[in-house]
Amino acid sequence: MKIIIHGGFFSESDQSAETKIAKQNSLQSIAKKSFEFLQNHTATETVVYTVSLLEDDELYNAGIGSQIQSDGKIRMSAAIMNGETEKFSGVINIQNVKNPILVAEKLMQEDDRVLGSEGAKKFADENNFEDFSTELPVRRKEYEAKKKALGTGTVGCVALDAEGKLAAATSTGGKGFELVGRISDSATVAGNFANNFCGVSCTGVGEDIVSNATATKIVTRVTDGFSLKDAFKKTFEELKVYDGFAGAIAIDKSGNIFHQDSHPTMVFASYDGESFECFA
């Protein structure tokens, strides 16, 4: 059993040393809690649980910590992919829901498994998901003060369970000050993908990740016989054509863990019950 999580990118220029330490402590705590959860749950259940913990931590650009868009409102996206069934579900630009990943999980049971904006919120309300205001005064104040401060990053998790099953989940609050209606990579197969061979979750600039089809390429290459390391190498080489900004975490069916970013610095943590790796 293995687990790896990411918390987007860390910028030394606009985040304090205190924030860096807080992220290190948070990532370590969430990785260990999630691994304990994995002992008695499937990979799919675990990635949902893990991402919900990240959404509940305002240190990250997802859930309650989400960035504000150009109209001063918060819209979030999240997705899950079950590597065994190869089913993908997600929500795009949902508002006023505390944990978009839980709504994505519920959609896995539906025929229509990806919903956007008003439809996603209607589905969440009908299924009694916890509401919260995405127009908080503190966010409005932040929006006015930091109109030009663009954030990059998401949160995500990949897990391998005791039965050798893989899953990936990703959640984002967007890049910050984006055009209303902009769609990120997080609720697409470019940013979140898994099958029986490999699972990948991405972070960075969504447009670059979509152009590169990053998660799908890595998983497809591993499926076709590439090592995880080589699949990352080739895929990230292809980002260089347009100086693509991306980071990704992955686990393959053999339990190999890998991570890479094209620009410093993606924050992540991995844990297998014995060895712990963290960068924040």
C-alpha atoms as a PDB file:
ATOM      1  CA  MET A   1       0.000   0.000   0.000  1.00  0.00           C
ATOM      2  CA  LYS A   2       1.275   3.429  -0.967  1.00  0.00           C
ATOM      3  CA  ILE A   3       0.023   6.994  -0.922  1.00  0.00           C
ATOM      4  CA  ILE A   4       1.292  10.296  -2.321  1.00  0.00           C
ATOM      5  CA  ILE A   5      -0.323  13.730  -2.044  1.00  0.00           C
ATOM      6  CA  HIS A   6       0.395  17.192  -3.408  1.00  0.00           C
ATOM      7  CA  GLY A   7      -0.592  20.662  -2.306  1.00  0.00           C
ATOM      8  CA  GLY A   8       0.124  22.686  -5.418  1.00  0.00           C
ATOM      9  CA  PHE A   9       3.142  24.957  -5.765  1.00  0.00           C
ATOM     10  CA  PHE A  10       4.983  26.976  -3.134  1.00  0.00           C
ATOM     11  CA  SER A  11       6.316  30.424  -3.967  1.00  0.00           C
ATOM     12  CA  GLU A  12       9.219  31.697  -1.864  1.00  0.00           C
ATOM     13  CA  SER A  13       8.494  35.236  -3.072  1.00  0.00           C
ATOM     14  CA  ASP A  14       4.955  35.552  -1.748  1.00  0.00           C
ATOM     15  CA  GLN A  15       4.697  32.969   1.023  1.00  0.00           C
ATOM     16  CA  SER A  16       6.359  33.237   4.416  1.00  0.00           C
ATOM     17  CA  ALA A  17       8.656  30.831   6.220  1.00  0.00           C
ATOM     18  CA  GLU A  18       5.804  30.253   8.671  1.00  0.00           C
ATOM     19  CA  THR A  19       3.544  29.178   5.814  1.00  0.00           C
ATOM     20  CA  LYS A  20       6.210  26.804   4.548  1.00  0.00           C
ATOM     21  CA  ILE A  21       6.522  25.144   7.950  1.00  0.00           C
ATOM     22  CA  ALA A  22       2.737  24.969   8.292  1.00  0.00           C
ATOM     23  CA  LYS A  23       2.480  23.227   4.916  1.00  0.00           C
ATOM     24  CA  GLN A  24       5.203  20.738   5.860  1.00  0.00           C
ATOM     25  CA  ASN A  25       3.386  19.860   9.074  1.00  0.00           C
ATOM     26  CA  SER A  26       0.026  19.673   7.318  1.00  0.00           C
ATOM     27  CA  LEU A  27       1.263  17.463   4.486  1.00  0.00           C
ATOM     28  CA  GLN A  28       2.958  15.088   6.906  1.00  0.00           C
ATOM     29  CA  SER A  29      -0.137  14.842   9.095  1.00  0.00           C
ATOM     30  CA  ILE A  30      -2.536  14.311   6.184  1.00  0.00           C
ATOM     31  CA  ALA A  31      -0.291  11.731   4.494  1.00  0.00           C
ATOM     32  CA  LYS A  32      -0.079   9.675   7.681  1.00  0.00           C
ATOM     33  CA  LYS A  33      -3.810   9.951   8.456  1.00  0.00           C
ATOM     34  CA  SER A  34      -4.597   8.931   4.905  1.00  0.00           C
ATOM     35  CA  PHE A  35      -2.283   5.928   5.014  1.00  0.00           C
ATOM     36  CA  GLU A  36      -3.984   4.771   8.206  1.00  0.00           C
ATOM     37  CA  PHE A  37      -7.346   5.157   6.438  1.00  0.00           C
ATOM     38  CA  LEU A  38      -6.006   3.132   3.491  1.00  0.00           C
ATOM     39  CA  GLN A  39      -5.442   0.115   5.754  1.00  0.00           C
ATOM     40  CA  ASN A  40      -9.158  -0.630   5.758  1.00  0.00           C
ATOM     41  CA  HIS A  41     -10.430   1.144   2.658  1.00  0.00           C
ATOM     42  CA  THR A  42     -10.099   1.005  -1.107  1.00  0.00           C
ATOM     43  CA  ALA A  43      -7.816   3.268  -3.094  1.00  0.00           C
ATOM     44  CA  THR A  44     -10.833   5.187  -4.397  1.00  0.00           C
ATOM     45  CA  GLU A  45     -12.268   5.731  -0.920  1.00  0.00           C
ATOM     46  CA  THR A  46      -8.842   6.817   0.297  1.00  0.00           C
ATOM     47  CA  VAL A  47      -8.143   9.433  -2.375  1.00  0.00           C
ATOM     48  CA  VAL A  48     -11.548  10.999  -1.697  1.00  0.00           C
ATOM     49  CA  TYR A  49     -10.903  11.060   2.056  1.00  0.00           C
ATOM     50  CA  THR A  50      -7.430  12.511   1.567  1.00  0.00           C
ATOM     51  CA  VAL A  51      -8.479  15.265  -0.813  1.00  0.00           C
ATOM     52  CA  SER A  52     -11.337  16.208   1.515  1.00  0.00           C
ATOM     53  CA  LEU A  53      -8.764  16.772   4.277  1.00  0.00           C
ATOM     54  CA  LEU A  54      -6.766  19.008   1.939  1.00  0.00           C
ATOM     55  CA  GLU A  55      -9.935  20.894   0.962  1.00  0.00           C
ATOM     56  CA  ASP A  56     -10.588  21.528   4.668  1.00  0.00           C
ATOM     57  CA  ASP A  57      -7.190  23.179   5.168  1.00  0.00           C
ATOM     58  CA  GLU A  58      -7.065  26.849   4.145  1.00  0.00           C
ATOM     59  CA  LEU A  59      -3.335  26.515   3.404  1.00  0.00           C
ATOM     60  CA  TYR A  60      -4.239  25.004   0.029  1.00  0.00           C
ATOM     61  CA  ASN A  61      -5.957  26.315  -3.071  1.00  0.00           C
ATOM     62  CA  ALA A  62      -8.996  24.039  -2.847  1.00  0.00           C
ATOM     63  CA  GLY A  63     -12.155  23.910  -0.788  1.00  0.00           C
ATOM     64  CA  ILE A  64     -12.124  26.578   1.923  1.00  0.00           C
ATOM     65  CA  GLY A  65      -8.754  27.937   0.751  1.00  0.00           C
ATOM     66  CA  SER A  66      -9.801  28.480  -2.858  1.00  0.00           C
ATOM     67  CA  GLN A  67      -8.708  31.450  -4.938  1.00  0.00           C
ATOM     68  CA  ILE A  68     -11.108  34.164  -6.049  1.00  0.00           C
ATOM     69  CA  GLN A  69     -12.000  34.654  -9.733  1.00  0.00           C
ATOM     70  CA  SER A  70     -12.095  37.958 -11.611  1.00  0.00           C
ATOM     71  CA  ASP A  71     -15.639  38.726 -10.418  1.00  0.00           C
ATOM     72  CA  GLY A  72     -14.714  38.180  -6.755  1.00  0.00           C
ATOM     73  CA  LYS A  73     -16.416  34.779  -6.483  1.00  0.00           C
ATOM     74  CA  ILE A  74     -15.033  31.326  -5.769  1.00  0.00           C
ATOM     75  CA  ARG A  75     -15.673  28.459  -8.164  1.00  0.00           C
ATOM     76  CA  MET A  76     -14.107  25.068  -7.588  1.00  0.00           C
ATOM     77  CA  SER A  77     -13.483  21.903  -9.577  1.00  0.00           C
ATOM     78  CA  ALA A  78     -12.675  18.354  -8.492  1.00  0.00           C
ATOM     79  CA  ALA A  79     -12.483  14.867  -9.958  1.00  0.00           C
ATOM     80  CA  ILE A  80     -11.869  11.211  -9.129  1.00  0.00           C
ATOM     81  CA  MET A  81     -10.820   8.304 -11.305  1.00  0.00           C
ATOM     82  CA  ASN A  82     -11.137   4.687 -10.226  1.00  0.00           C
ATOM     83  CA  GLY A  83      -8.269   2.787 -11.836  1.00  0.00           C
ATOM     84  CA  GLU A  84     -10.028  -0.564 -11.641  1.00  0.00           C
ATOM     85  CA  THR A  85     -13.284   0.445 -13.327  1.00  0.00           C
ATOM     86  CA  GLU A  86     -11.717   3.341 -15.274  1.00  0.00           C
ATOM     87  CA  LYS A  87     -14.721   5.463 -14.338  1.00  0.00           C
ATOM     88  CA  PHE A  88     -14.159   9.214 -14.033  1.00  0.00           C
ATOM     89  CA  SER A  89     -16.452  11.639 -12.201  1.00  0.00           C
ATOM     90  CA  GLY A  90     -16.186  15.313 -11.357  1.00  0.00           C
ATOM     91  CA  VAL A  91     -17.609  18.761 -10.828  1.00  0.00           C
ATOM     92  CA  ILE A  92     -16.575  21.908 -12.670  1.00  0.00           C
ATOM     93  CA  ASN A  93     -16.934  25.474 -11.367  1.00  0.00           C
ATOM     94  CA  ILE A  94     -19.166  24.510  -8.453  1.00  0.00           C
ATOM     95  CA  GLN A  95     -19.974  27.196  -5.848  1.00  0.00           C
ATOM     96  CA  ASN A  96     -20.954  27.211  -2.192  1.00  0.00           C
ATOM     97  CA  VAL A  97     -19.997  23.602  -1.426  1.00  0.00           C
ATOM     98  CA  LYS A  98     -17.449  22.830   1.269  1.00  0.00           C
ATOM     99  CA  ASN A  99     -16.021  19.654  -0.301  1.00  0.00           C
ATOM    100  CA  PRO A 100     -16.316  19.406  -4.099  1.00  0.00           C
ATOM    101  CA  ILE A 101     -14.510  16.050  -4.027  1.00  0.00           C
ATOM    102  CA  LEU A 102     -17.383  14.502  -2.078  1.00  0.00           C
ATOM    103  CA  VAL A 103     -19.829  15.648  -4.732  1.00  0.00           C
ATOM    104  CA  ALA A 104     -17.571  14.096  -7.376  1.00  0.00           C
ATOM    105  CA  GLU A 105     -17.589  10.852  -5.392  1.00  0.00           C
ATOM    106  CA  LYS A 106     -21.395  10.790  -5.317  1.00  0.00           C
ATOM    107  CA  LEU A 107     -21.507  11.360  -9.073  1.00  0.00           C
ATOM    108  CA  MET A 108     -19.538   8.140  -9.595  1.00  0.00           C
ATOM    109  CA  GLN A 109     -22.850   6.321  -9.075  1.00  0.00           C
ATOM    110  CA  GLU A 110     -24.622   8.290 -11.805  1.00  0.00           C
ATOM    111  CA  ASP A 111     -24.835   7.826 -15.568  1.00  0.00           C
ATOM    112  CA  ASP A 112     -23.963  11.513 -15.999  1.00  0.00           C
ATOM    113  CA  ARG A 113     -20.745  11.692 -14.049  1.00  0.00           C
ATOM    114  CA  VAL A 114     -19.344  15.176 -14.779  1.00  0.00           C
ATOM    115  CA  LEU A 115     -21.482  18.209 -13.935  1.00  0.00           C
ATOM    116  CA  GLY A 116     -20.755  21.918 -14.159  1.00  0.00           C
ATOM    117  CA  SER A 117     -21.687  25.136 -12.348  1.00  0.00           C
ATOM    118  CA  GLU A 118     -25.437  25.410 -11.561  1.00  0.00           C
ATOM    119  CA  GLY A 119     -26.098  21.754 -12.374  1.00  0.00           C
ATOM    120  CA  ALA A 120     -23.321  20.617 -10.073  1.00  0.00           C
ATOM    121  CA  LYS A 121     -24.640  22.813  -7.251  1.00  0.00           C
ATOM    122  CA  LYS A 122     -28.213  21.596  -7.772  1.00  0.00           C
ATOM    123  CA  PHE A 123     -26.995  17.984  -7.519  1.00  0.00           C
ATOM    124  CA  ALA A 124     -25.031  18.842  -4.359  1.00  0.00           C
ATOM    125  CA  ASP A 125     -28.080  20.477  -2.762  1.00  0.00           C
ATOM    126  CA  GLU A 126     -30.331  17.545  -3.650  1.00  0.00           C
ATOM    127  CA  ASN A 127     -27.874  15.220  -1.934  1.00  0.00           C
ATOM    128  CA  ASN A 128     -27.464  17.414   1.166  1.00  0.00           C
ATOM    129  CA  PHE A 129     -23.769  18.227   0.866  1.00  0.00           C
ATOM    130  CA  GLU A 130     -22.392  20.730   3.357  1.00  0.00           C
ATOM    131  CA  ASP A 131     -22.753  24.302   2.205  1.00  0.00           C
ATOM    132  CA  PHE A 132     -20.430  27.204   2.876  1.00  0.00           C
ATOM    133  CA  SER A 133     -20.214  30.751   1.638  1.00  0.00           C
ATOM    134  CA  THR A 134     -17.748  31.330  -1.189  1.00  0.00           C
ATOM    135  CA  GLU A 135     -18.230  35.088  -0.895  1.00  0.00           C
ATOM    136  CA  LEU A 136     -16.680  35.530   2.533  1.00  0.00           C
ATOM    137  CA  PRO A 137     -15.678  39.080   3.546  1.00  0.00           C
ATOM    138  CA  VAL A 138     -12.077  37.979   4.044  1.00  0.00           C
ATOM    139  CA  ARG A 139     -11.992  36.699   0.460  1.00  0.00           C
ATOM    140  CA  ARG A 140     -13.456  39.937  -0.852  1.00  0.00           C
ATOM    141  CA  LYS A 141     -10.772  41.889   1.026  1.00  0.00           C
ATOM    142  CA  GLU A 142      -8.080  39.586  -0.376  1.00  0.00           C
ATOM    143  CA  TYR A 143      -9.493  39.998  -3.857  1.00  0.00           C
ATOM    144  CA  GLU A 144      -9.334  43.783  -3.688  1.00  0.00           C
ATOM    145  CA  ALA A 145      -5.803  43.737  -2.276  1.00  0.00           C
ATOM    146  CA  LYS A 146      -4.331  41.143  -4.616  1.00  0.00           C
ATOM    147  CA  LYS A 147      -5.985  41.549  -7.997  1.00  0.00           C
ATOM    148  CA  LYS A 148      -2.699  40.877  -9.763  1.00  0.00           C
ATOM    149  CA  ALA A 149      -1.524  38.020  -7.554  1.00  0.00           C
ATOM    150  CA  LEU A 150      -2.190  34.865  -9.538  1.00  0.00           C
ATOM    151  CA  GLY A 151      -2.075  31.566  -7.710  1.00  0.00           C
ATOM    152  CA  THR A 152      -1.095  28.276  -9.292  1.00  0.00           C
ATOM    153  CA  GLY A 153      -1.812  24.876  -7.927  1.00  0.00           C
ATOM    154  CA  THR A 154      -4.346  22.359  -6.760  1.00  0.00           C
ATOM    155  CA  VAL A 155      -4.420  19.474  -4.308  1.00  0.00           C
ATOM    156  CA  GLY A 156      -4.391  15.827  -5.191  1.00  0.00           C
ATOM    157  CA  CYS A 157      -3.788  12.241  -4.129  1.00  0.00           C
ATOM    158  CA  VAL A 158      -2.885   8.910  -5.703  1.00  0.00           C
ATOM    159  CA  ALA A 159      -3.245   5.668  -3.740  1.00  0.00           C
ATOM    160  CA  LEU A 160      -2.481   1.976  -4.182  1.00  0.00           C
ATOM    161  CA  ASP A 161      -4.530  -0.277  -1.908  1.00  0.00           C
ATOM    162  CA  ALA A 162      -3.985  -3.735  -0.408  1.00  0.00           C
ATOM    163  CA  GLU A 163      -5.614  -5.402  -3.421  1.00  0.00           C
ATOM    164  CA  GLY A 164      -3.334  -3.612  -5.856  1.00  0.00           C
ATOM    165  CA  LYS A 165      -6.028  -1.211  -7.050  1.00  0.00           C
ATOM    166  CA  LEU A 166      -5.167   2.382  -7.979  1.00  0.00           C
ATOM    167  CA  ALA A 167      -7.100   5.635  -7.849  1.00  0.00           C
ATOM    168  CA  ALA A 168      -6.452   9.349  -8.267  1.00  0.00           C
ATOM    169  CA  ALA A 169      -8.305  12.466  -7.102  1.00  0.00           C
ATOM    170  CA  THR A 170      -7.687  16.172  -7.663  1.00  0.00           C
ATOM    171  CA  SER A 171      -9.347  19.376  -6.430  1.00  0.00           C
ATOM    172  CA  THR A 172      -8.741  23.045  -7.170  1.00  0.00           C
ATOM    173  CA  GLY A 173      -9.901  26.561  -6.445  1.00  0.00           C
ATOM    174  CA  GLY A 174      -8.551  27.777  -9.781  1.00  0.00           C
ATOM    175  CA  LYS A 175      -5.559  29.925 -10.656  1.00  0.00           C
ATOM    176  CA  GLY A 176      -6.913  33.167  -9.234  1.00  0.00           C
ATOM    177  CA  PHE A 177      -8.470  36.164 -11.018  1.00  0.00           C
ATOM    178  CA  GLU A 178      -9.335  34.036 -14.036  1.00  0.00           C
ATOM    179  CA  LEU A 179     -12.119  34.838 -16.499  1.00  0.00           C
ATOM    180  CA  VAL A 180     -15.512  33.650 -15.304  1.00  0.00           C
ATOM    181  CA  GLY A 181     -16.256  30.302 -16.923  1.00  0.00           C
ATOM    182  CA  ARG A 182     -12.621  29.253 -17.264  1.00  0.00           C
ATOM    183  CA  ILE A 183     -12.208  25.480 -16.883  1.00  0.00           C
ATOM    184  CA  SER A 184      -9.118  24.041 -15.217  1.00  0.00           C
ATOM    185  CA  ASP A 185      -7.436  20.713 -15.891  1.00  0.00           C
ATOM    186  CA  SER A 186      -8.403  19.244 -12.521  1.00  0.00           C
ATOM    187  CA  ALA A 187     -11.782  17.863 -13.576  1.00  0.00           C
ATOM    188  CA  THR A 188     -10.443  16.544 -16.884  1.00  0.00           C
ATOM    189  CA  VAL A 189      -8.404  13.472 -17.771  1.00  0.00           C
ATOM    190  CA  ALA A 190      -5.456  15.776 -18.536  1.00  0.00           C
ATOM    191  CA  GLY A 191      -5.109  16.571 -14.840  1.00  0.00           C
ATOM    192  CA  ASN A 192      -6.429  13.410 -13.179  1.00  0.00           C
ATOM    193  CA  PHE A 193      -6.198   9.910 -14.627  1.00  0.00           C
ATOM    194  CA  ALA A 194      -5.847   6.304 -13.478  1.00  0.00           C
ATOM    195  CA  ASN A 195      -6.171   2.744 -14.709  1.00  0.00           C
ATOM    196  CA  ASN A 196      -4.914  -0.657 -13.542  1.00  0.00           C
ATOM    197  CA  PHE A 197      -1.339   0.284 -14.427  1.00  0.00           C
ATOM    198  CA  CYS A 198      -0.867   3.780 -13.013  1.00  0.00           C
ATOM    199  CA  GLY A 199      -2.551   6.750 -11.329  1.00  0.00           C
ATOM    200  CA  VAL A 200      -1.613  10.432 -11.767  1.00  0.00           C
ATOM    201  CA  SER A 201      -2.725  13.757 -10.269  1.00  0.00           C
ATOM    202  CA  CYS A 202      -1.443  17.070 -11.642  1.00  0.00           C
ATOM    203  CA  THR A 203      -1.018  20.645 -10.483  1.00  0.00           C
ATOM    204  CA  GLY A 204       0.178  23.852 -12.129  1.00  0.00           C
ATOM    205  CA  VAL A 205      -1.242  25.949 -14.956  1.00  0.00           C
ATOM    206  CA  GLY A 206      -4.318  24.158 -16.236  1.00  0.00           C
ATOM    207  CA  GLU A 207      -3.993  25.392 -19.806  1.00  0.00           C
ATOM    208  CA  ASP A 208      -0.466  23.939 -20.036  1.00  0.00           C
ATOM    209  CA  ILE A 209      -1.535  20.627 -18.501  1.00  0.00           C
ATOM    210  CA  VAL A 210      -4.511  20.327 -20.880  1.00  0.00           C
ATOM    211  CA  SER A 211      -2.351  21.162 -23.905  1.00  0.00           C
ATOM    212  CA  ASN A 212       0.072  18.454 -22.858  1.00  0.00           C
ATOM    213  CA  ALA A 213      -2.599  15.945 -21.726  1.00  0.00           C
ATOM    214  CA  THR A 214      -0.138  15.327 -18.907  1.00  0.00           C
ATOM    215  CA  ALA A 215      -1.890  12.772 -16.677  1.00  0.00           C
ATOM    216  CA  THR A 216      -3.288  10.776 -19.590  1.00  0.00           C
ATOM    217  CA  LYS A 217       0.059  10.640 -21.384  1.00  0.00           C
ATOM    218  CA  ILE A 218       1.927   9.400 -18.323  1.00  0.00           C
ATOM    219  CA  VAL A 219      -0.631   6.683 -17.577  1.00  0.00           C
ATOM    220  CA  THR A 220      -0.846   5.611 -21.232  1.00  0.00           C
ATOM    221  CA  ARG A 221       2.923   5.362 -21.514  1.00  0.00           C
ATOM    222  CA  VAL A 222       3.182   3.249 -18.373  1.00  0.00           C
ATOM    223  CA  THR A 223       0.378   1.043 -19.740  1.00  0.00           C
ATOM    224  CA  ASP A 224       2.351   0.651 -22.972  1.00  0.00           C
ATOM    225  CA  GLY A 225       5.459  -0.520 -21.128  1.00  0.00           C
ATOM    226  CA  PHE A 226       7.370   2.623 -20.151  1.00  0.00           C
ATOM    227  CA  SER A 227       8.808   2.734 -16.663  1.00  0.00           C
ATOM    228  CA  LEU A 228       7.169   5.371 -14.486  1.00  0.00           C
ATOM    229  CA  LYS A 229      10.355   7.446 -14.555  1.00  0.00           C
ATOM    230  CA  ASP A 230      10.645   7.288 -18.347  1.00  0.00           C
ATOM    231  CA  ALA A 231       6.952   8.100 -18.819  1.00  0.00           C
ATOM    232  CA  PHE A 232       7.448  11.250 -16.753  1.00  0.00           C
ATOM    233  CA  LYS A 233      10.652  12.139 -18.573  1.00  0.00           C
ATOM    234  CA  LYS A 234       9.099  11.981 -22.042  1.00  0.00           C
ATOM    235  CA  THR A 235       5.905  13.773 -20.997  1.00  0.00           C
ATOM    236  CA  PHE A 236       7.711  16.606 -19.234  1.00  0.00           C
ATOM    237  CA  GLU A 237      10.077  16.998 -22.180  1.00  0.00           C
ATOM    238  CA  GLU A 238       7.013  17.721 -24.296  1.00  0.00           C
ATOM    239  CA  LEU A 239       6.026  20.543 -21.934  1.00  0.00           C
ATOM    240  CA  LYS A 240       9.246  22.375 -22.780  1.00  0.00           C
ATOM    241  CA  VAL A 241       7.975  23.327 -26.246  1.00  0.00           C
ATOM    242  CA  TYR A 242       5.896  26.090 -24.636  1.00  0.00           C
ATOM    243  CA  ASP A 243       7.620  26.281 -21.234  1.00  0.00           C
ATOM    244  CA  GLY A 244       4.676  24.478 -19.663  1.00  0.00           C
ATOM    245  CA  PHE A 245       4.143  24.911 -15.925  1.00  0.00           C
ATOM    246  CA  ALA A 246       3.140  21.601 -14.353  1.00  0.00           C
ATOM    247  CA  GLY A 247       3.777  19.162 -11.567  1.00  0.00           C
ATOM    248  CA  ALA A 248       2.549  15.600 -11.170  1.00  0.00           C
ATOM    249  CA  ILE A 249       2.504  12.762  -8.655  1.00  0.00           C
ATOM    250  CA  ALA A 250       2.040   9.096  -9.521  1.00  0.00           C
ATOM    251  CA  ILE A 251       2.054   5.496  -8.354  1.00  0.00           C
ATOM    252  CA  ASP A 252       2.242   2.484 -10.669  1.00  0.00           C
ATOM    253  CA  LYS A 253       0.807  -1.008 -10.175  1.00  0.00           C
ATOM    254  CA  SER A 254       4.127  -2.250  -8.731  1.00  0.00           C
ATOM    255  CA  GLY A 255       4.062   0.410  -6.014  1.00  0.00           C
ATOM    256  CA  ASN A 256       6.687   2.653  -7.559  1.00  0.00           C
ATOM    257  CA  ILE A 257       6.161   6.300  -6.602  1.00  0.00           C
ATOM    258  CA  PHE A 258       7.307   9.231  -8.708  1.00  0.00           C
ATOM    259  CA  HIS A 259       6.882  12.994  -8.805  1.00  0.00           C
ATOM    260  CA  GLN A 260       8.228  15.778 -11.007  1.00  0.00           C
ATOM    261  CA  ASP A 261       7.685  19.462 -11.668  1.00  0.00           C
ATOM    262  CA  SER A 262       8.704  21.655 -14.578  1.00  0.00           C
ATOM    263  CA  HIS A 263       9.200  24.749 -12.410  1.00  0.00           C
ATOM    264  CA  PRO A 264      10.026  24.941  -8.711  1.00  0.00           C
ATOM    265  CA  THR A 265       8.416  23.960  -6.474  1.00  0.00           C
ATOM    266  CA  MET A 266       5.561  21.468  -6.089  1.00  0.00           C
ATOM    267  CA  VAL A 267       4.848  20.542  -2.486  1.00  0.00           C
ATOM    268  CA  PHE A 268       4.134  16.868  -1.837  1.00  0.00           C
ATOM    269  CA  ALA A 269       4.334  14.044   0.671  1.00  0.00           C
ATOM    270  CA  SER A 270       4.437  10.277   0.229  1.00  0.00           C
ATOM    271  CA  TYR A 271       4.144   7.487   2.769  1.00  0.00           C
ATOM    272  CA  ASP A 272       4.138   3.689   2.710  1.00  0.00           C
ATOM    273  CA  GLY A 273       3.947   2.952   6.418  1.00  0.00           C
ATOM    274  CA  GLU A 274       7.708   2.924   6.818  1.00  0.00           C
ATOM    275  CA  SER A 275       9.382   5.639   4.792  1.00  0.00           C
ATOM    276  CA  PHE A 276       8.107   9.207   4.584  1.00  0.00           C
ATOM    277  CA  GLU A 277       9.127  11.778   1.973  1.00  0.00           C
ATOM    278  CA  CYS A 278       8.008  15.386   2.028  1.00  0.00           C
ATOM    279  CA  PHE A 279       8.899  18.578   0.227  1.00  0.00           C
ATOM    280  CA  ALA A 280       7.264  21.874   1.103  1.00  0.00           C
END
